[in-house]
Amino acid sequence: MNHRLGADRGATVISRLRIATAIGLLVLIILAGGNLLVGDQLRAISSFTKLQEGLFYMEYKGDYGLADFLKQGGAASDAELTAFLTRFFTKGLYKYEAPKELVECSTIAAELPGGGYGFGRNFDLDKGTALIIRTLPQSGYASISTTNINFLGFGQDLSAPGFMDKFKMLALVYAPLDGMNEKGLCVAVLAIAHGAQTNQDTEKPDLTTTAAVRLLLDRAADVDEALELLAQFDMHASVDTDYHFALADAKGRSVVVEYVHNEMHVVEAPVVTNHFLSPEYYLVGLGSNSQLRYKTLMEHLEAGNGVLSHEGLKNALAAAAQNGDIKTLWSIVYDLSGRRLAFYHLQDFENPLYFDFGGQTR
């Protein structure tokens, strides 16, 4: 080998790396100088941490635009929501695309043996990369929620995201799929497979599915307040399917919120899967898989007479976990009274990650 040629190539590679680094720094300076990235966003980006393969964590403290979002009347579609996110987070530099995936899930609410209440959640999908987000808004309740990074178009091979990748992920604050706030309110969204989509059309402001979860976590202290909030908005289902919301709080109330023929219905329900629970619409969306998971969770709940320990909730979730084309990607056991949670990634029920509102405990 020509050593001179090798040295030249090495110098060229180093030079290119230096240029790339300089360009990255220049972009950052321009973004910050143009108020595209403010301190809140830079801190959120810097907090981005890999916890395990396929599992990340981010903390967003400060303003992520919820007041502005509500002031503009919310969003009546995924396209309107992504347009708002593009304006608020990137000022048009990067255009977000709406997610295009369906989720199948299960939830269970129960009284805890020593007092207080618990809530369990399985999130089921064919594949995904989990992001746990702790939000501490300027005005509203702190919360811990989980979302799927792949909804933004990232692949499964995401291992070491760069600065711009993390920058794009700020929008996932508006895509929580489940979570709990500091008051002990839990919210989870679950899909319903049927031939219609919720698309209310009155004079009320508008909400899409995950934006509704963000609103409830930030602004509602319990189920009653959450229901009052939802009644003030027109709901619009996301991603070409329909959804219902499982809500539970530290007072022990657990309900499912469903939209039947564009009318909001509330049913007291300790277990929710992927079919309607409103009595007059019960059979719609009642697939065998949804029915089996519902029956499994109800059997665990009834065996404990409505009382399940953390271990009991975990066992119920494990029994209802899926392992076919659709898999359970994460399971969470929430202590609504203690304001803490145990996160089980990819059905590893022996090695949870614990979180509370002081941080990750272990």
Protein backbone atom coordinates (compact mmCIF):
# COMPACT_ATOMS: atom_id res chain seq x y z
CA MET A 1 0.00 0.00 0.00
CA ASN A 2 1.12 3.53 -0.73
CA HIS A 3 1.62 5.01 2.76
CA ARG A 4 1.41 8.52 1.42
CA LEU A 5 -1.99 7.71 -0.13
CA GLY A 6 -3.17 6.20 3.17
CA ALA A 7 -2.07 9.29 5.08
CA ASP A 8 -3.86 11.53 2.57
CA ARG A 9 -7.04 9.53 2.95
CA GLY A 10 -6.77 9.71 6.74
CA ALA A 11 -6.28 13.45 6.61
CA THR A 12 -9.29 13.74 4.29
CA VAL A 13 -11.52 11.77 6.71
CA ILE A 14 -10.40 13.90 9.67
CA SER A 15 -10.98 17.05 7.66
CA ARG A 16 -14.50 15.94 6.75
CA LEU A 17 -15.27 15.12 10.37
CA ARG A 18 -14.09 18.56 11.43
CA ILE A 19 -16.22 20.19 8.74
CA ALA A 20 -19.28 18.15 9.76
CA THR A 21 -18.77 19.08 13.41
CA ALA A 22 -18.38 22.74 12.53
CA ILE A 23 -21.55 22.67 10.42
CA GLY A 24 -23.45 21.00 13.26
CA LEU A 25 -22.31 23.65 15.71
CA LEU A 26 -23.15 26.40 13.24
CA VAL A 27 -26.67 25.00 12.76
CA LEU A 28 -27.11 24.85 16.54
CA ILE A 29 -25.96 28.44 16.95
CA ILE A 30 -28.28 29.62 14.17
CA LEU A 31 -31.22 27.72 15.62
CA ALA A 32 -30.64 29.04 19.12
CA GLY A 33 -29.93 32.58 17.89
CA GLY A 34 -33.13 32.57 15.87
CA ASN A 35 -35.13 31.48 18.92
CA LEU A 36 -35.96 28.21 17.16
CA LEU A 37 -34.49 26.31 20.06
CA VAL A 38 -35.05 27.83 23.47
CA GLY A 39 -33.54 26.72 26.74
CA ASP A 40 -36.47 24.40 27.54
CA GLN A 41 -35.97 22.50 24.28
CA LEU A 42 -32.19 22.34 24.57
CA ARG A 43 -32.49 20.93 28.10
CA ALA A 44 -34.98 18.34 26.87
CA ILE A 45 -32.65 17.29 24.07
CA SER A 46 -29.71 17.03 26.46
CA SER A 47 -31.75 14.83 28.83
CA PHE A 48 -32.32 12.19 26.14
CA THR A 49 -30.91 8.92 27.48
CA LYS A 50 -30.77 5.32 26.32
CA LEU A 51 -32.00 3.05 29.13
CA GLN A 52 -31.96 -0.26 27.26
CA GLU A 53 -31.91 -1.44 23.67
CA GLY A 54 -35.14 -0.11 22.23
CA LEU A 55 -35.98 2.03 25.28
CA PHE A 56 -35.16 5.71 25.83
CA TYR A 57 -35.95 8.48 28.33
CA MET A 58 -36.45 12.23 27.97
CA GLU A 59 -37.43 15.01 30.37
CA TYR A 60 -39.15 18.18 29.17
CA LYS A 61 -39.38 20.99 31.70
CA GLY A 62 -41.01 24.28 30.73
CA ASP A 63 -43.17 25.35 27.80
CA TYR A 64 -44.10 22.89 25.06
CA GLY A 65 -46.89 25.01 23.65
CA LEU A 66 -50.05 23.48 25.13
CA ALA A 67 -51.55 26.91 25.89
CA ASP A 68 -50.83 28.02 22.31
CA PHE A 69 -52.32 24.79 20.99
CA LEU A 70 -55.54 25.31 22.94
CA LYS A 71 -55.66 29.01 22.04
CA GLN A 72 -55.68 28.15 18.33
CA GLY A 73 -58.68 25.87 18.95
CA GLY A 74 -56.72 22.61 19.13
CA ALA A 75 -56.57 20.38 16.05
CA ALA A 76 -59.31 18.56 14.15
CA SER A 77 -56.98 16.12 12.40
CA ASP A 78 -53.52 14.57 12.55
CA ALA A 79 -52.50 16.95 9.77
CA GLU A 80 -53.53 20.00 11.81
CA LEU A 81 -51.70 18.68 14.88
CA THR A 82 -48.51 18.02 12.92
CA ALA A 83 -48.77 21.50 11.37
CA PHE A 84 -48.88 23.00 14.88
CA LEU A 85 -45.92 20.89 16.00
CA THR A 86 -43.97 21.95 12.93
CA ARG A 87 -44.63 25.62 13.70
CA PHE A 88 -43.95 25.42 17.43
CA PHE A 89 -40.91 23.16 17.53
CA THR A 90 -39.17 23.65 14.17
CA LYS A 91 -40.59 26.89 12.71
CA GLY A 92 -40.87 24.97 9.42
CA LEU A 93 -37.31 23.61 9.41
CA TYR A 94 -38.61 20.06 9.70
CA LYS A 95 -42.15 18.96 8.80
CA TYR A 96 -43.64 16.27 10.97
CA GLU A 97 -45.68 13.47 9.42
CA ALA A 98 -48.71 11.94 11.12
CA PRO A 99 -48.30 8.39 12.49
CA LYS A 100 -49.90 5.54 10.55
CA GLU A 101 -50.11 2.68 13.04
CA LEU A 102 -52.82 0.85 14.96
CA VAL A 103 -52.41 -0.16 18.59
CA GLU A 104 -53.97 -3.06 20.49
CA CYS A 105 -53.79 -2.83 24.26
CA SER A 106 -55.24 -3.84 27.62
CA THR A 107 -55.75 -2.09 30.97
CA ILE A 108 -56.86 -3.18 34.43
CA ALA A 109 -57.68 -1.14 37.55
CA ALA A 110 -57.85 -2.57 41.08
CA GLU A 111 -57.71 -1.68 44.75
CA LEU A 112 -54.34 -2.34 46.39
CA PRO A 113 -54.23 -4.60 49.48
CA GLY A 114 -52.78 -1.97 51.81
CA GLY A 115 -55.10 0.77 50.63
CA GLY A 116 -54.90 2.94 47.55
CA TYR A 117 -55.41 1.97 43.94
CA GLY A 118 -53.40 0.51 41.10
CA PHE A 119 -53.65 0.48 37.32
CA GLY A 120 -52.01 -1.87 34.83
CA ARG A 121 -51.37 -1.30 31.15
CA ASN A 122 -50.14 -3.50 28.26
CA PHE A 123 -49.14 -1.72 25.06
CA ASP A 124 -49.32 -4.04 22.05
CA LEU A 125 -47.98 -3.47 18.54
CA ASP A 126 -46.03 -5.40 15.91
CA LYS A 127 -42.86 -3.43 16.65
CA GLY A 128 -41.75 -0.19 18.23
CA THR A 129 -39.17 1.76 20.19
CA ALA A 130 -40.33 3.06 23.56
CA LEU A 131 -39.71 6.56 24.89
CA ILE A 132 -40.56 7.41 28.50
CA ILE A 133 -41.21 11.15 28.80
CA ARG A 134 -41.29 13.08 32.06
CA THR A 135 -42.97 16.46 31.57
CA LEU A 136 -42.85 19.35 34.03
CA PRO A 137 -44.94 22.07 32.38
CA GLN A 138 -44.92 25.74 33.30
CA SER A 139 -48.64 25.57 33.98
CA GLY A 140 -50.08 22.15 34.72
CA TYR A 141 -49.34 18.86 36.43
CA ALA A 142 -46.11 16.94 36.06
CA SER A 143 -46.54 13.58 34.38
CA ILE A 144 -44.70 10.46 33.25
CA SER A 145 -45.89 8.98 29.96
CA THR A 146 -44.77 6.54 27.28
CA THR A 147 -44.87 6.77 23.51
CA ASN A 148 -43.49 5.00 20.44
CA ILE A 149 -40.55 6.73 18.73
CA ASN A 150 -41.24 4.86 15.50
CA PHE A 151 -44.44 6.87 15.07
CA LEU A 152 -42.16 9.64 13.76
CA GLY A 153 -40.78 7.38 11.05
CA PHE A 154 -37.60 6.22 12.79
CA GLY A 155 -36.60 2.60 12.12
CA GLN A 156 -36.14 -0.25 14.55
CA ASP A 157 -32.37 0.08 14.26
CA LEU A 158 -32.37 3.39 16.17
CA SER A 159 -29.52 2.99 18.67
CA ALA A 160 -27.62 6.25 19.01
CA PRO A 161 -29.82 9.13 17.78
CA GLY A 162 -28.04 12.32 16.86
CA PHE A 163 -28.87 15.89 17.79
CA MET A 164 -31.34 16.43 14.95
CA ASP A 165 -33.06 13.11 15.70
CA LYS A 166 -33.58 14.20 19.31
CA PHE A 167 -34.74 17.60 18.10
CA LYS A 168 -37.46 15.93 16.02
CA MET A 169 -38.50 13.79 19.00
CA LEU A 170 -39.60 16.83 21.00
CA ALA A 171 -42.95 16.51 19.21
CA LEU A 172 -43.55 13.19 20.97
CA VAL A 173 -44.64 15.20 24.01
CA TYR A 174 -47.95 15.38 22.09
CA ALA A 175 -48.06 11.64 21.38
CA PRO A 176 -48.43 9.99 24.82
CA LEU A 177 -50.10 6.58 24.65
CA ASP A 178 -50.38 6.11 28.39
CA GLY A 179 -49.27 7.95 31.50
CA MET A 180 -49.87 9.18 35.04
CA ASN A 181 -49.70 12.66 36.47
CA GLU A 182 -48.61 13.85 39.90
CA LYS A 183 -52.21 13.80 41.16
CA GLY A 184 -52.53 10.09 40.45
CA LEU A 185 -54.67 10.30 37.30
CA CYS A 186 -53.87 7.59 34.75
CA VAL A 187 -54.85 7.81 31.08
CA ALA A 188 -54.38 5.17 28.38
CA VAL A 189 -55.58 5.09 24.78
CA LEU A 190 -56.72 1.80 23.21
CA ALA A 191 -57.81 1.07 19.65
CA ILE A 192 -61.23 -0.22 18.62
CA ALA A 193 -61.55 -2.08 15.31
CA HIS A 194 -64.84 -1.10 13.69
CA GLY A 195 -66.03 0.57 10.54
CA ALA A 196 -66.37 4.16 11.71
CA GLN A 197 -64.21 6.89 13.20
CA THR A 198 -65.04 9.50 15.80
CA ASN A 199 -65.27 12.89 14.14
CA GLN A 200 -67.39 15.25 16.22
CA ASP A 201 -68.38 18.50 14.55
CA THR A 202 -69.87 21.22 16.78
CA GLU A 203 -68.70 24.67 17.80
CA LYS A 204 -66.30 23.29 20.41
CA PRO A 205 -62.51 23.38 20.05
CA ASP A 206 -60.94 20.20 18.65
CA LEU A 207 -58.74 17.39 19.93
CA THR A 208 -57.07 14.43 18.30
CA THR A 209 -56.46 11.20 20.19
CA THR A 210 -52.98 11.67 21.67
CA ALA A 211 -53.41 15.42 22.11
CA ALA A 212 -56.34 14.53 24.37
CA VAL A 213 -54.06 12.34 26.50
CA ARG A 214 -51.59 15.23 26.84
CA LEU A 215 -54.37 17.64 27.83
CA LEU A 216 -55.76 15.30 30.50
CA LEU A 217 -52.38 14.56 32.04
CA ASP A 218 -51.56 18.27 32.22
CA ARG A 219 -54.90 19.66 33.33
CA ALA A 220 -57.02 17.01 35.14
CA ALA A 221 -56.47 15.88 38.74
CA ASP A 222 -58.96 13.01 38.70
CA VAL A 223 -61.49 11.18 36.53
CA ASP A 224 -64.26 13.71 37.19
CA GLU A 225 -62.09 16.60 35.99
CA ALA A 226 -60.94 14.56 33.00
CA LEU A 227 -64.54 13.91 31.94
CA GLU A 228 -65.41 17.58 32.33
CA LEU A 229 -62.47 18.50 30.11
CA LEU A 230 -63.27 15.95 27.40
CA ALA A 231 -66.87 17.18 27.25
CA GLN A 232 -65.59 20.63 26.28
CA PHE A 233 -63.96 19.43 23.04
CA ASP A 234 -64.85 17.80 19.74
CA MET A 235 -62.94 14.52 19.48
CA HIS A 236 -61.31 13.39 16.23
CA ALA A 237 -59.82 9.91 15.99
CA SER A 238 -56.31 9.49 14.65
CA VAL A 239 -54.60 7.12 12.22
CA ASP A 240 -57.61 5.77 10.30
CA THR A 241 -59.08 3.88 13.23
CA ASP A 242 -61.07 4.58 16.37
CA TYR A 243 -60.15 4.64 20.04
CA HIS A 244 -61.44 4.75 23.56
CA PHE A 245 -59.77 6.04 26.71
CA ALA A 246 -59.23 4.13 29.95
CA LEU A 247 -59.11 6.51 32.93
CA ALA A 248 -58.34 5.74 36.58
CA ASP A 249 -57.48 7.90 39.57
CA ALA A 250 -56.16 7.81 43.12
CA LYS A 251 -59.72 7.98 44.49
CA GLY A 252 -60.50 4.57 43.02
CA ARG A 253 -62.70 5.54 40.08
CA SER A 254 -62.01 3.77 36.77
CA VAL A 255 -63.98 4.38 33.57
CA VAL A 256 -63.81 3.96 29.82
CA VAL A 257 -64.69 6.93 27.60
CA GLU A 258 -66.10 5.93 24.22
CA TYR A 259 -67.60 7.82 21.30
CA VAL A 260 -70.66 6.06 19.89
CA HIS A 261 -72.06 7.66 16.73
CA ASN A 262 -70.05 10.76 17.68
CA GLU A 263 -71.59 10.98 21.15
CA MET A 264 -69.40 10.70 24.25
CA HIS A 265 -70.29 7.77 26.52
CA VAL A 266 -68.80 6.98 29.94
CA VAL A 267 -68.91 3.47 31.42
CA GLU A 268 -67.56 2.42 34.81
CA ALA A 269 -65.03 -0.22 33.80
CA PRO A 270 -62.08 -1.80 35.65
CA VAL A 271 -60.90 -3.68 32.53
CA VAL A 272 -60.60 -2.35 28.96
CA THR A 273 -59.28 -4.04 25.80
CA ASN A 274 -60.18 -3.37 22.15
CA HIS A 275 -63.95 -3.48 21.94
CA PHE A 276 -66.74 -1.16 23.04
CA LEU A 277 -68.06 -1.49 26.58
CA SER A 278 -71.07 0.80 26.13
CA PRO A 279 -74.01 -1.61 26.59
CA GLU A 280 -75.90 -0.65 23.44
CA TYR A 281 -72.77 -0.98 21.29
CA TYR A 282 -70.96 -3.77 23.10
CA LEU A 283 -70.63 -6.31 20.25
CA VAL A 284 -68.99 -3.87 17.84
CA GLY A 285 -65.26 -4.51 17.61
CA LEU A 286 -65.56 -7.64 19.77
CA GLY A 287 -62.85 -9.79 18.17
CA SER A 288 -61.83 -13.10 19.72
CA ASN A 289 -58.42 -11.76 20.76
CA SER A 290 -59.90 -8.72 22.50
CA GLN A 291 -62.50 -10.88 24.19
CA LEU A 292 -59.87 -13.37 25.41
CA ARG A 293 -57.69 -10.67 26.94
CA TYR A 294 -60.72 -9.03 28.55
CA LYS A 295 -61.79 -12.38 30.04
CA THR A 296 -58.26 -13.09 31.29
CA LEU A 297 -57.97 -9.77 33.10
CA MET A 298 -61.45 -10.02 34.56
CA GLU A 299 -60.66 -13.49 35.92
CA HIS A 300 -57.60 -12.13 37.73
CA LEU A 301 -59.61 -9.21 39.10
CA GLU A 302 -62.50 -11.40 40.26
CA ALA A 303 -60.13 -13.93 41.85
CA GLY A 304 -58.92 -11.13 44.11
CA ASN A 305 -62.43 -9.73 44.69
CA GLY A 306 -61.33 -6.49 43.06
CA VAL A 307 -58.13 -6.27 45.12
CA LEU A 308 -54.75 -6.96 43.51
CA SER A 309 -51.24 -6.33 44.76
CA HIS A 310 -48.49 -4.98 42.53
CA GLU A 311 -47.51 -8.60 41.90
CA GLY A 312 -51.13 -9.48 41.13
CA LEU A 313 -51.43 -6.66 38.60
CA LYS A 314 -48.15 -7.70 37.01
CA ASN A 315 -49.30 -11.33 36.75
CA ALA A 316 -52.57 -10.24 35.17
CA LEU A 317 -50.71 -8.20 32.55
CA ALA A 318 -48.33 -11.09 31.87
CA ALA A 319 -51.28 -13.44 31.38
CA ALA A 320 -52.87 -11.04 28.87
CA ALA A 321 -49.62 -10.28 27.01
CA GLN A 322 -49.50 -11.00 23.26
CA ASN A 323 -46.79 -12.87 21.37
CA GLY A 324 -48.04 -13.27 17.81
CA ASP A 325 -47.74 -10.80 14.95
CA ILE A 326 -48.82 -8.26 17.56
CA LYS A 327 -46.63 -8.31 20.67
CA THR A 328 -46.74 -6.63 24.06
CA LEU A 329 -43.94 -4.08 23.83
CA TRP A 330 -44.30 -2.67 27.32
CA SER A 331 -46.31 -3.21 30.48
CA ILE A 332 -46.70 -0.75 33.34
CA VAL A 333 -47.99 -1.17 36.87
CA TYR A 334 -49.01 2.20 38.34
CA ASP A 335 -49.46 2.91 42.04
CA LEU A 336 -51.95 5.76 41.74
CA SER A 337 -51.89 6.59 45.43
CA GLY A 338 -48.11 6.38 45.81
CA ARG A 339 -47.55 8.21 42.48
CA ARG A 340 -44.96 5.71 41.25
CA LEU A 341 -44.77 3.12 38.51
CA ALA A 342 -42.90 0.00 37.45
CA PHE A 343 -42.06 -0.25 33.73
CA TYR A 344 -41.58 -3.69 32.18
CA HIS A 345 -39.95 -3.62 28.75
CA LEU A 346 -40.58 -6.37 26.18
CA GLN A 347 -42.26 -8.67 28.73
CA ASP A 348 -39.23 -8.83 31.00
CA PHE A 349 -41.37 -9.10 34.12
CA GLU A 350 -38.39 -9.88 36.36
CA ASN A 351 -36.47 -6.64 35.80
CA PRO A 352 -38.65 -3.55 36.08
CA LEU A 353 -37.54 0.06 35.90
CA TYR A 354 -39.08 2.15 38.68
CA PHE A 355 -40.08 5.78 38.30
CA ASP A 356 -41.70 8.32 40.60
CA PHE A 357 -42.00 12.08 40.49
CA GLY A 358 -38.56 12.46 42.01
CA GLY A 359 -36.93 10.62 39.11
CA GLN A 360 -35.95 7.11 38.09
CA THR A 361 -35.44 5.17 41.31
CA ARG A 362 -33.64 2.12 39.86
